[in-house]
Amino acid sequence: RVEPLIPRGEVVTVFRPMDGRSHNDHDNYLAAVGLLP
């Protein structure tokens, strides 16, 4: 759903926030590496 809203080649990070802050969420980040080629 969000992929069409982000221009191709842009820098993106993906995570599940903890208390509203980013953290090292490897599961979602690595899934995004494969899903946002």
Full PDB file with SEQRES, HELIX, SHEET, SSBOND, CRYST1, ORIGX, SCALE, CONECT and MASTER records, all heavy atoms in Angstrom:
SEQRES   1 A   37  ARG VAL GLU PRO LEU ILE PRO ARG GLY GLU VAL VAL THR          
SEQRES   2 A   37  VAL PHE ARG PRO MET ASP GLY ARG SER HIS ASN ASP HIS          
SEQRES   3 A   37  ASP ASN TYR LEU ALA ALA VAL GLY LEU LEU PRO                  
HELIX    1 AA1 GLU A    3  LEU A    5  5                                   3    
HELIX    2 AA2 HIS A   26  LEU A   35  1                                  10    
CRYST1    1.000    1.000    1.000  90.00  90.00  90.00 P 1           1          
ORIGX1      1.000000  0.000000  0.000000        0.00000                         
ORIGX2      0.000000  1.000000  0.000000        0.00000                         
ORIGX3      0.000000  0.000000  1.000000        0.00000                         
SCALE1      1.000000  0.000000  0.000000        0.00000                         
SCALE2      0.000000  1.000000  0.000000        0.00000                         
SCALE3      0.000000  0.000000  1.000000        0.00000                         
ATOM      1  N   ARG A   1       0.815  -1.220   0.000  1.00  0.00           N  
ATOM      2  CA  ARG A   1       0.000   0.000   0.000  1.00  0.00           C  
ATOM      3  C   ARG A   1       0.846   1.268   0.000  1.00  0.00           C  
ATOM      4  O   ARG A   1       0.476   2.263  -0.606  1.00  0.00           O  
ATOM      5  CB  ARG A   1      -0.909   0.022   1.221  1.00  0.00           C  
ATOM      6  CG  ARG A   1      -1.974  -1.032   1.209  1.00  0.00           C  
ATOM      7  CD  ARG A   1      -2.790  -0.918   2.451  1.00  0.00           C  
ATOM      8  NE  ARG A   1      -3.855  -1.900   2.495  1.00  0.00           N  
ATOM      9  CZ  ARG A   1      -4.642  -2.062   3.520  1.00  0.00           C  
ATOM     10  NH1 ARG A   1      -4.501  -1.319   4.592  1.00  0.00           N  
ATOM     11  NH2 ARG A   1      -5.579  -2.976   3.490  1.00  0.00           N  
ATOM     12  N   VAL A   2       1.961   1.238   0.727  1.00  0.00           N  
ATOM     13  CA  VAL A   2       2.783   2.454   0.823  1.00  0.00           C  
ATOM     14  C   VAL A   2       3.789   2.572  -0.316  1.00  0.00           C  
ATOM     15  O   VAL A   2       4.240   3.671  -0.625  1.00  0.00           O  
ATOM     16  CB  VAL A   2       3.512   2.557   2.186  1.00  0.00           C  
ATOM     17  CG1 VAL A   2       2.531   2.591   3.319  1.00  0.00           C  
ATOM     18  CG2 VAL A   2       4.541   1.492   2.370  1.00  0.00           C  
ATOM     19  N   GLU A   3       4.131   1.467  -0.945  1.00  0.00           N  
ATOM     20  CA  GLU A   3       5.141   1.507  -2.012  1.00  0.00           C  
ATOM     21  C   GLU A   3       4.816   2.516  -3.118  1.00  0.00           C  
ATOM     22  O   GLU A   3       5.694   3.266  -3.538  1.00  0.00           O  
ATOM     23  CB  GLU A   3       5.359   0.117  -2.597  1.00  0.00           C  
ATOM     24  CG  GLU A   3       6.462   0.092  -3.634  1.00  0.00           C  
ATOM     25  CD  GLU A   3       6.691  -1.283  -4.221  1.00  0.00           C  
ATOM     26  OE1 GLU A   3       5.786  -2.132  -4.139  1.00  0.00           O  
ATOM     27  OE2 GLU A   3       7.780  -1.479  -4.785  1.00  0.00           O  
ATOM     28  N   PRO A   4       3.571   2.605  -3.596  1.00  0.00           N  
ATOM     29  CA  PRO A   4       3.288   3.592  -4.649  1.00  0.00           C  
ATOM     30  C   PRO A   4       3.416   5.046  -4.179  1.00  0.00           C  
ATOM     31  O   PRO A   4       3.567   5.946  -5.000  1.00  0.00           O  
ATOM     32  CB  PRO A   4       1.836   3.302  -5.046  1.00  0.00           C  
ATOM     33  CG  PRO A   4       1.525   1.958  -4.516  1.00  0.00           C  
ATOM     34  CD  PRO A   4       2.421   1.736  -3.352  1.00  0.00           C  
ATOM     35  N   LEU A   5       3.377   5.281  -2.884  1.00  0.00           N  
ATOM     36  CA  LEU A   5       3.476   6.639  -2.353  1.00  0.00           C  
ATOM     37  C   LEU A   5       4.921   7.117  -2.216  1.00  0.00           C  
ATOM     38  O   LEU A   5       5.167   8.304  -2.041  1.00  0.00           O  
ATOM     39  CB  LEU A   5       2.792   6.720  -0.983  1.00  0.00           C  
ATOM     40  CG  LEU A   5       1.317   6.310  -0.950  1.00  0.00           C  
ATOM     41  CD1 LEU A   5       0.808   6.295   0.485  1.00  0.00           C  
ATOM     42  CD2 LEU A   5       0.488   7.239  -1.811  1.00  0.00           C  
ATOM     43  N   ILE A   6       5.874   6.192  -2.273  1.00  0.00           N  
ATOM     44  CA  ILE A   6       7.290   6.521  -2.124  1.00  0.00           C  
ATOM     45  C   ILE A   6       7.941   6.471  -3.501  1.00  0.00           C  
ATOM     46  O   ILE A   6       7.914   5.435  -4.164  1.00  0.00           O  
ATOM     47  CB  ILE A   6       7.989   5.523  -1.182  1.00  0.00           C  
ATOM     48  CG1 ILE A   6       7.270   5.456   0.165  1.00  0.00           C  
ATOM     49  CG2 ILE A   6       9.442   5.906  -0.993  1.00  0.00           C  
ATOM     50  CD1 ILE A   6       7.745   4.324   1.050  1.00  0.00           C  
ATOM     51  N   PRO A   7       8.553   7.576  -3.946  1.00  0.00           N  
ATOM     52  CA  PRO A   7       9.220   7.553  -5.254  1.00  0.00           C  
ATOM     53  C   PRO A   7      10.322   6.487  -5.307  1.00  0.00           C  
ATOM     54  O   PRO A   7      10.987   6.209  -4.304  1.00  0.00           O  
ATOM     55  CB  PRO A   7       9.814   8.959  -5.377  1.00  0.00           C  
ATOM     56  CG  PRO A   7       9.013   9.798  -4.441  1.00  0.00           C  
ATOM     57  CD  PRO A   7       8.617   8.898  -3.319  1.00  0.00           C  
ATOM     58  N   ARG A   8      10.504   5.919  -6.485  1.00  0.00           N  
ATOM     59  CA  ARG A   8      11.535   4.893  -6.675  1.00  0.00           C  
ATOM     60  C   ARG A   8      12.912   5.445  -6.309  1.00  0.00           C  
ATOM     61  O   ARG A   8      13.223   6.598  -6.581  1.00  0.00           O  
ATOM     62  CB  ARG A   8      11.573   4.433  -8.120  1.00  0.00           C  
ATOM     63  CG  ARG A   8      10.512   3.462  -8.449  1.00  0.00           C  
ATOM     64  CD  ARG A   8      10.642   3.004  -9.874  1.00  0.00           C  
ATOM     65  NE  ARG A   8      10.004   1.703  -9.984  1.00  0.00           N  
ATOM     66  CZ  ARG A   8      10.401   0.753 -10.789  1.00  0.00           C  
ATOM     67  NH1 ARG A   8      11.420   0.943 -11.577  1.00  0.00           N  
ATOM     68  NH2 ARG A   8       9.775  -0.396 -10.820  1.00  0.00           N  
ATOM     69  N   GLY A   9      13.719   4.582  -5.708  1.00  0.00           N  
ATOM     70  CA  GLY A   9      15.087   4.939  -5.372  1.00  0.00           C  
ATOM     71  C   GLY A   9      15.245   5.698  -4.060  1.00  0.00           C  
ATOM     72  O   GLY A   9      16.365   5.960  -3.636  1.00  0.00           O  
ATOM     73  N   GLU A  10      14.151   6.051  -3.417  1.00  0.00           N  
ATOM     74  CA  GLU A  10      14.222   6.802  -2.157  1.00  0.00           C  
ATOM     75  C   GLU A  10      14.726   5.919  -1.020  1.00  0.00           C  
ATOM     76  O   GLU A  10      14.592   4.701  -1.049  1.00  0.00           O  
ATOM     77  CB  GLU A  10      12.851   7.370  -1.790  1.00  0.00           C  
ATOM     78  CG  GLU A  10      12.384   8.479  -2.702  1.00  0.00           C  
ATOM     79  CD  GLU A  10      13.079   9.798  -2.444  1.00  0.00           C  
ATOM     80  OE1 GLU A  10      13.453  10.071  -1.288  1.00  0.00           O  
ATOM     81  OE2 GLU A  10      13.243  10.558  -3.402  1.00  0.00           O  
ATOM     82  N   VAL A  11      15.271   6.577   0.002  1.00  0.00           N  
ATOM     83  CA  VAL A  11      15.786   5.887   1.177  1.00  0.00           C  
ATOM     84  C   VAL A  11      14.646   5.691   2.170  1.00  0.00           C  
ATOM     85  O   VAL A  11      13.974   6.650   2.562  1.00  0.00           O  
ATOM     86  CB  VAL A  11      16.933   6.682   1.820  1.00  0.00           C  
ATOM     87  CG1 VAL A  11      17.405   6.005   3.091  1.00  0.00           C  
ATOM     88  CG2 VAL A  11      18.073   6.849   0.833  1.00  0.00           C  
ATOM     89  N   VAL A  12      14.413   4.430   2.579  1.00  0.00           N  
ATOM     90  CA  VAL A  12      13.290   4.063   3.448  1.00  0.00           C  
ATOM     91  C   VAL A  12      13.816   3.216   4.596  1.00  0.00           C  
ATOM     92  O   VAL A  12      14.736   2.416   4.420  1.00  0.00           O  
ATOM     93  CB  VAL A  12      12.241   3.237   2.673  1.00  0.00           C  
ATOM     94  CG1 VAL A  12      11.044   2.902   3.543  1.00  0.00           C  
ATOM     95  CG2 VAL A  12      11.812   3.938   1.409  1.00  0.00           C  
ATOM     96  N   THR A  13      13.217   3.375   5.759  1.00  0.00           N  
ATOM     97  CA  THR A  13      13.444   2.442   6.852  1.00  0.00           C  
ATOM     98  C   THR A  13      12.101   1.971   7.371  1.00  0.00           C  
ATOM     99  O   THR A  13      11.114   2.703   7.282  1.00  0.00           O  
ATOM    100  CB  THR A  13      14.302   3.047   7.982  1.00  0.00           C  
ATOM    101  OG1 THR A  13      14.638   2.013   8.904  1.00  0.00           O  
ATOM    102  CG2 THR A  13      13.592   4.164   8.705  1.00  0.00           C  
ATOM    103  N   VAL A  14      12.068   0.745   7.853  1.00  0.00           N  
ATOM    104  CA  VAL A  14      10.816   0.118   8.294  1.00  0.00           C  
ATOM    105  C   VAL A  14      11.064  -0.529   9.655  1.00  0.00           C  
ATOM    106  O   VAL A  14      12.050  -1.240   9.835  1.00  0.00           O  
ATOM    107  CB  VAL A  14      10.349  -0.948   7.281  1.00  0.00           C  
ATOM    108  CG1 VAL A  14       9.073  -1.611   7.744  1.00  0.00           C  
ATOM    109  CG2 VAL A  14      10.165  -0.324   5.903  1.00  0.00           C  
ATOM    110  N   PHE A  15      10.158  -0.270  10.598  1.00  0.00           N  
ATOM    111  CA  PHE A  15      10.277  -0.876  11.923  1.00  0.00           C  
ATOM    112  C   PHE A  15       8.945  -0.779  12.652  1.00  0.00           C  
ATOM    113  O   PHE A  15       8.053  -0.043  12.256  1.00  0.00           O  
ATOM    114  CB  PHE A  15      11.378  -0.196  12.749  1.00  0.00           C  
ATOM    115  CG  PHE A  15      11.217   1.292  12.852  1.00  0.00           C  
ATOM    116  CD1 PHE A  15      10.432   1.853  13.850  1.00  0.00           C  
ATOM    117  CD2 PHE A  15      11.841   2.132  11.950  1.00  0.00           C  
ATOM    118  CE1 PHE A  15      10.270   3.220  13.940  1.00  0.00           C  
ATOM    119  CE2 PHE A  15      11.685   3.503  12.033  1.00  0.00           C  
ATOM    120  CZ  PHE A  15      10.898   4.047  13.037  1.00  0.00           C  
ATOM    121  N   ARG A  16       8.845  -1.527  13.748  1.00  0.00           N  
ATOM    122  CA  ARG A  16       7.702  -1.465  14.655  1.00  0.00           C  
ATOM    123  C   ARG A  16       8.150  -0.609  15.832  1.00  0.00           C  
ATOM    124  O   ARG A  16       9.009  -1.029  16.610  1.00  0.00           O  
ATOM    125  CB  ARG A  16       7.315  -2.867  15.120  1.00  0.00           C  
ATOM    126  CG  ARG A  16       6.118  -2.906  16.061  1.00  0.00           C  
ATOM    127  CD  ARG A  16       5.822  -4.337  16.506  1.00  0.00           C  
ATOM    128  NE  ARG A  16       5.602  -5.242  15.395  1.00  0.00           N  
ATOM    129  CZ  ARG A  16       4.419  -5.471  14.833  1.00  0.00           C  
ATOM    130  NH1 ARG A  16       3.347  -4.871  15.307  1.00  0.00           N  
ATOM    131  NH2 ARG A  16       4.289  -6.300  13.828  1.00  0.00           N  
ATOM    132  N   PRO A  17       7.601   0.607  15.986  1.00  0.00           N  
ATOM    133  CA  PRO A  17       8.043   1.485  17.078  1.00  0.00           C  
ATOM    134  C   PRO A  17       7.785   0.881  18.463  1.00  0.00           C  
ATOM    135  O   PRO A  17       6.815   0.159  18.664  1.00  0.00           O  
ATOM    136  CB  PRO A  17       7.204   2.748  16.895  1.00  0.00           C  
ATOM    137  CG  PRO A  17       6.741   2.709  15.486  1.00  0.00           C  
ATOM    138  CD  PRO A  17       6.600   1.256  15.153  1.00  0.00           C  
ATOM    139  N   MET A  18       8.677   1.216  19.380  1.00  0.00           N  
ATOM    140  CA  MET A  18       8.499   0.855  20.792  1.00  0.00           C  
ATOM    141  C   MET A  18       8.380   2.172  21.553  1.00  0.00           C  
ATOM    142  O   MET A  18       9.306   2.988  21.520  1.00  0.00           O  
ATOM    143  CB  MET A  18       9.682   0.055  21.327  1.00  0.00           C  
ATOM    144  CG  MET A  18       9.773  -1.337  20.774  1.00  0.00           C  
ATOM    145  SD  MET A  18      11.152  -2.247  21.468  1.00  0.00           S  
ATOM    146  CE  MET A  18      10.419  -2.818  22.981  1.00  0.00           C  
ATOM    147  N   ASP A  19       7.235   2.381  22.188  1.00  0.00           N  
ATOM    148  CA  ASP A  19       6.961   3.634  22.903  1.00  0.00           C  
ATOM    149  C   ASP A  19       7.135   4.847  21.988  1.00  0.00           C  
ATOM    150  O   ASP A  19       7.637   5.888  22.407  1.00  0.00           O  
ATOM    151  CB  ASP A  19       7.855   3.763  24.138  1.00  0.00           C  
ATOM    152  CG  ASP A  19       7.631   2.639  25.125  1.00  0.00           C  
ATOM    153  OD1 ASP A  19       6.463   2.204  25.259  1.00  0.00           O  
ATOM    154  OD2 ASP A  19       8.603   2.177  25.749  1.00  0.00           O  
ATOM    155  N   GLY A  20       6.767   4.698  20.720  1.00  0.00           N  
ATOM    156  CA  GLY A  20       6.825   5.795  19.768  1.00  0.00           C  
ATOM    157  C   GLY A  20       8.198   6.071  19.188  1.00  0.00           C  
ATOM    158  O   GLY A  20       8.368   6.976  18.389  1.00  0.00           O  
ATOM    159  N   ARG A  21       9.202   5.294  19.564  1.00  0.00           N  
ATOM    160  CA  ARG A  21      10.577   5.513  19.096  1.00  0.00           C  
ATOM    161  C   ARG A  21      11.038   4.335  18.240  1.00  0.00           C  
ATOM    162  O   ARG A  21      10.576   3.206  18.397  1.00  0.00           O  
ATOM    163  CB  ARG A  21      11.511   5.706  20.278  1.00  0.00           C  
ATOM    164  CG  ARG A  21      11.163   6.929  21.115  1.00  0.00           C  
ATOM    165  CD  ARG A  21      12.043   7.025  22.324  1.00  0.00           C  
ATOM    166  NE  ARG A  21      13.419   7.317  21.972  1.00  0.00           N  
ATOM    167  CZ  ARG A  21      13.997   8.499  22.151  1.00  0.00           C  
ATOM    168  NH1 ARG A  21      13.317   9.491  22.664  1.00  0.00           N  
ATOM    169  NH2 ARG A  21      15.256   8.679  21.825  1.00  0.00           N  
ATOM    170  N   SER A  22      12.005   4.611  17.377  1.00  0.00           N  
ATOM    171  CA  SER A  22      12.557   3.538  16.548  1.00  0.00           C  
ATOM    172  C   SER A  22      13.524   2.694  17.378  1.00  0.00           C  
ATOM    173  O   SER A  22      14.081   3.162  18.370  1.00  0.00           O  
ATOM    174  CB  SER A  22      13.267   4.126  15.331  1.00  0.00           C  
ATOM    175  OG  SER A  22      14.336   4.937  15.738  1.00  0.00           O  
ATOM    176  N   HIS A  23      13.682   1.470  16.958  1.00  0.00           N  
ATOM    177  CA  HIS A  23      14.637   0.558  17.584  1.00  0.00           C  
ATOM    178  C   HIS A  23      15.050  -0.450  16.526  1.00  0.00           C  
ATOM    179  O   HIS A  23      14.530  -0.468  15.419  1.00  0.00           O  
ATOM    180  CB  HIS A  23      14.018  -0.139  18.810  1.00  0.00           C  
ATOM    181  CG  HIS A  23      12.932  -1.101  18.456  1.00  0.00           C  
ATOM    182  ND1 HIS A  23      13.139  -2.454  18.408  1.00  0.00           N  
ATOM    183  CD2 HIS A  23      11.641  -0.908  18.103  1.00  0.00           C  
ATOM    184  CE1 HIS A  23      12.017  -3.045  18.050  1.00  0.00           C  
ATOM    185  NE2 HIS A  23      11.097  -2.138  17.857  1.00  0.00           N  
ATOM    186  N   ASN A  24      16.010  -1.284  16.840  1.00  0.00           N  
ATOM    187  CA  ASN A  24      16.505  -2.266  15.881  1.00  0.00           C  
ATOM    188  C   ASN A  24      15.523  -3.430  15.756  1.00  0.00           C  
ATOM    189  O   ASN A  24      15.630  -4.423  16.444  1.00  0.00           O  
ATOM    190  CB  ASN A  24      17.894  -2.761  16.288  1.00  0.00           C  
ATOM    191  CG  ASN A  24      18.934  -1.700  16.083  1.00  0.00           C  
ATOM    192  OD1 ASN A  24      18.859  -0.924  15.139  1.00  0.00           O  
ATOM    193  ND2 ASN A  24      19.899  -1.626  16.979  1.00  0.00           N  
ATOM    194  N   ASP A  25      14.587  -3.274  14.843  1.00  0.00           N  
ATOM    195  CA  ASP A  25      13.554  -4.268  14.579  1.00  0.00           C  
ATOM    196  C   ASP A  25      13.952  -5.032  13.315  1.00  0.00           C  
ATOM    197  O   ASP A  25      13.580  -4.666  12.206  1.00  0.00           O  
ATOM    198  CB  ASP A  25      12.213  -3.557  14.393  1.00  0.00           C  
ATOM    199  CG  ASP A  25      11.089  -4.498  14.055  1.00  0.00           C  
ATOM    200  OD1 ASP A  25      11.275  -5.718  14.163  1.00  0.00           O  
ATOM    201  OD2 ASP A  25      10.008  -4.006  13.687  1.00  0.00           O  
ATOM    202  N   HIS A  26      14.723  -6.075  13.492  1.00  0.00           N  
ATOM    203  CA  HIS A  26      15.291  -6.783  12.349  1.00  0.00           C  
ATOM    204  C   HIS A  26      14.250  -7.526  11.516  1.00  0.00           C  
ATOM    205  O   HIS A  26      14.380  -7.588  10.295  1.00  0.00           O  
ATOM    206  CB  HIS A  26      16.381  -7.749  12.818  1.00  0.00           C  
ATOM    207  CG  HIS A  26      17.491  -7.070  13.535  1.00  0.00           C  
ATOM    208  ND1 HIS A  26      18.361  -6.199  12.911  1.00  0.00           N  
ATOM    209  CD2 HIS A  26      17.867  -7.097  14.830  1.00  0.00           C  
ATOM    210  CE1 HIS A  26      19.227  -5.736  13.780  1.00  0.00           C  
ATOM    211  NE2 HIS A  26      18.950  -6.265  14.968  1.00  0.00           N  
ATOM    212  N   ASP A  27      13.219  -8.084  12.154  1.00  0.00           N  
ATOM    213  CA  ASP A  27      12.223  -8.858  11.403  1.00  0.00           C  
ATOM    214  C   ASP A  27      11.530  -8.011  10.341  1.00  0.00           C  
ATOM    215  O   ASP A  27      11.460  -8.384   9.167  1.00  0.00           O  
ATOM    216  CB  ASP A  27      11.174  -9.450  12.347  1.00  0.00           C  
ATOM    217  CG  ASP A  27      11.743 -10.524  13.253  1.00  0.00           C  
ATOM    218  OD1 ASP A  27      12.817 -11.067  12.931  1.00  0.00           O  
ATOM    219  OD2 ASP A  27      11.109 -10.823  14.277  1.00  0.00           O  
ATOM    220  N   ASN A  28      11.000  -6.862  10.739  1.00  0.00           N  
ATOM    221  CA  ASN A  28      10.277  -6.008   9.793  1.00  0.00           C  
ATOM    222  C   ASN A  28      11.221  -5.333   8.808  1.00  0.00           C  
ATOM    223  O   ASN A  28      10.898  -5.175   7.634  1.00  0.00           O  
ATOM    224  CB  ASN A  28       9.440  -4.984  10.549  1.00  0.00           C  
ATOM    225  CG  ASN A  28       8.271  -5.627  11.245  1.00  0.00           C  
ATOM    226  OD1 ASN A  28       7.445  -6.266  10.613  1.00  0.00           O  
ATOM    227  ND2 ASN A  28       8.204  -5.504  12.554  1.00  0.00           N  
ATOM    228  N   TYR A  29      12.390  -4.947   9.266  1.00  0.00           N  
ATOM    229  CA  TYR A  29      13.377  -4.326   8.370  1.00  0.00           C  
ATOM    230  C   TYR A  29      13.789  -5.295   7.266  1.00  0.00           C  
ATOM    231  O   TYR A  29      13.801  -4.950   6.082  1.00  0.00           O  
ATOM    232  CB  TYR A  29      14.593  -3.856   9.176  1.00  0.00           C  
ATOM    233  CG  TYR A  29      15.850  -3.719   8.368  1.00  0.00           C  
ATOM    234  CD1 TYR A  29      15.965  -2.747   7.370  1.00  0.00           C  
ATOM    235  CD2 TYR A  29      16.935  -4.564   8.571  1.00  0.00           C  
ATOM    236  CE1 TYR A  29      17.122  -2.627   6.611  1.00  0.00           C  
ATOM    237  CE2 TYR A  29      18.088  -4.449   7.828  1.00  0.00           C  
ATOM    238  CZ  TYR A  29      18.179  -3.491   6.854  1.00  0.00           C  
ATOM    239  OH  TYR A  29      19.312  -3.373   6.100  1.00  0.00           O  
ATOM    240  N   LEU A  30      14.107  -6.531   7.637  1.00  0.00           N  
ATOM    241  CA  LEU A  30      14.543  -7.503   6.629  1.00  0.00           C  
ATOM    242  C   LEU A  30      13.409  -7.907   5.693  1.00  0.00           C  
ATOM    243  O   LEU A  30      13.638  -8.157   4.509  1.00  0.00           O  
ATOM    244  CB  LEU A  30      15.151  -8.720   7.315  1.00  0.00           C  
ATOM    245  CG  LEU A  30      16.482  -8.447   8.026  1.00  0.00           C  
ATOM    246  CD1 LEU A  30      16.937  -9.667   8.806  1.00  0.00           C  
ATOM    247  CD2 LEU A  30      17.547  -8.006   7.039  1.00  0.00           C  
ATOM    248  N   ALA A  31      12.181  -7.946   6.200  1.00  0.00           N  
ATOM    249  CA  ALA A  31      11.037  -8.212   5.322  1.00  0.00           C  
ATOM    250  C   ALA A  31      10.904  -7.087   4.297  1.00  0.00           C  
ATOM    251  O   ALA A  31      10.615  -7.322   3.121  1.00  0.00           O  
ATOM    252  CB  ALA A  31       9.757  -8.350   6.135  1.00  0.00           C  
ATOM    253  N   ALA A  32      11.129  -5.846   4.735  1.00  0.00           N  
ATOM    254  CA  ALA A  32      11.026  -4.697   3.834  1.00  0.00           C  
ATOM    255  C   ALA A  32      12.119  -4.718   2.766  1.00  0.00           C  
ATOM    256  O   ALA A  32      11.887  -4.282   1.631  1.00  0.00           O  
ATOM    257  CB  ALA A  32      11.101  -3.407   4.629  1.00  0.00           C  
ATOM    258  N   VAL A  33      13.303  -5.217   3.101  1.00  0.00           N  
ATOM    259  CA  VAL A  33      14.375  -5.321   2.104  1.00  0.00           C  
ATOM    260  C   VAL A  33      13.901  -6.156   0.918  1.00  0.00           C  
ATOM    261  O   VAL A  33      14.147  -5.806  -0.236  1.00  0.00           O  
ATOM    262  CB  VAL A  33      15.652  -5.919   2.736  1.00  0.00           C  
ATOM    263  CG1 VAL A  33      16.675  -6.277   1.671  1.00  0.00           C  
ATOM    264  CG2 VAL A  33      16.255  -4.953   3.744  1.00  0.00           C  
ATOM    265  N   GLY A  34      13.193  -7.220   1.198  1.00  0.00           N  
ATOM    266  CA  GLY A  34      12.693  -8.076   0.119  1.00  0.00           C  
ATOM    267  C   GLY A  34      11.450  -7.540  -0.561  1.00  0.00           C  
ATOM    268  O   GLY A  34      11.234  -7.781  -1.743  1.00  0.00           O  
ATOM    269  N   LEU A  35      10.614  -6.791   0.168  1.00  0.00           N  
ATOM    270  CA  LEU A  35       9.339  -6.329  -0.376  1.00  0.00           C  
ATOM    271  C   LEU A  35       9.408  -4.961  -1.047  1.00  0.00           C  
ATOM    272  O   LEU A  35       8.448  -4.548  -1.689  1.00  0.00           O  
ATOM    273  CB  LEU A  35       8.285  -6.305   0.728  1.00  0.00           C  
ATOM    274  CG  LEU A  35       7.891  -7.692   1.252  1.00  0.00           C  
ATOM    275  CD1 LEU A  35       7.038  -7.564   2.514  1.00  0.00           C  
ATOM    276  CD2 LEU A  35       7.140  -8.460   0.193  1.00  0.00           C  
ATOM    277  N   LEU A  36      10.516  -4.250  -0.882  1.00  0.00           N  
ATOM    278  CA  LEU A  36      10.683  -2.941  -1.533  1.00  0.00           C  
ATOM    279  C   LEU A  36      11.928  -2.960  -2.421  1.00  0.00           C  
ATOM    280  O   LEU A  36      12.923  -2.279  -2.156  1.00  0.00           O  
ATOM    281  CB  LEU A  36      10.806  -1.828  -0.476  1.00  0.00           C  
ATOM    282  CG  LEU A  36       9.582  -1.578   0.397  1.00  0.00           C  
ATOM    283  CD1 LEU A  36       9.908  -0.568   1.496  1.00  0.00           C  
ATOM    284  CD2 LEU A  36       8.412  -1.106  -0.439  1.00  0.00           C  
ATOM    285  N   PRO A  37      11.903  -3.731  -3.504  1.00  0.00           N  
ATOM    286  CA  PRO A  37      13.108  -3.873  -4.328  1.00  0.00           C  
ATOM    287  C   PRO A  37      13.506  -2.607  -5.085  1.00  0.00           C  
ATOM    288  O   PRO A  37      14.655  -2.492  -5.514  1.00  0.00           O  
ATOM    289  CB  PRO A  37      12.732  -4.994  -5.298  1.00  0.00           C  
ATOM    290  CG  PRO A  37      11.251  -4.905  -5.414  1.00  0.00           C  
ATOM    291  CD  PRO A  37      10.770  -4.481  -4.051  1.00  0.00           C  
TER     292      PRO A  37                                                      
MASTER        0    0    0    2    0    0    0    6  291    1    0    3          
END                                                                             
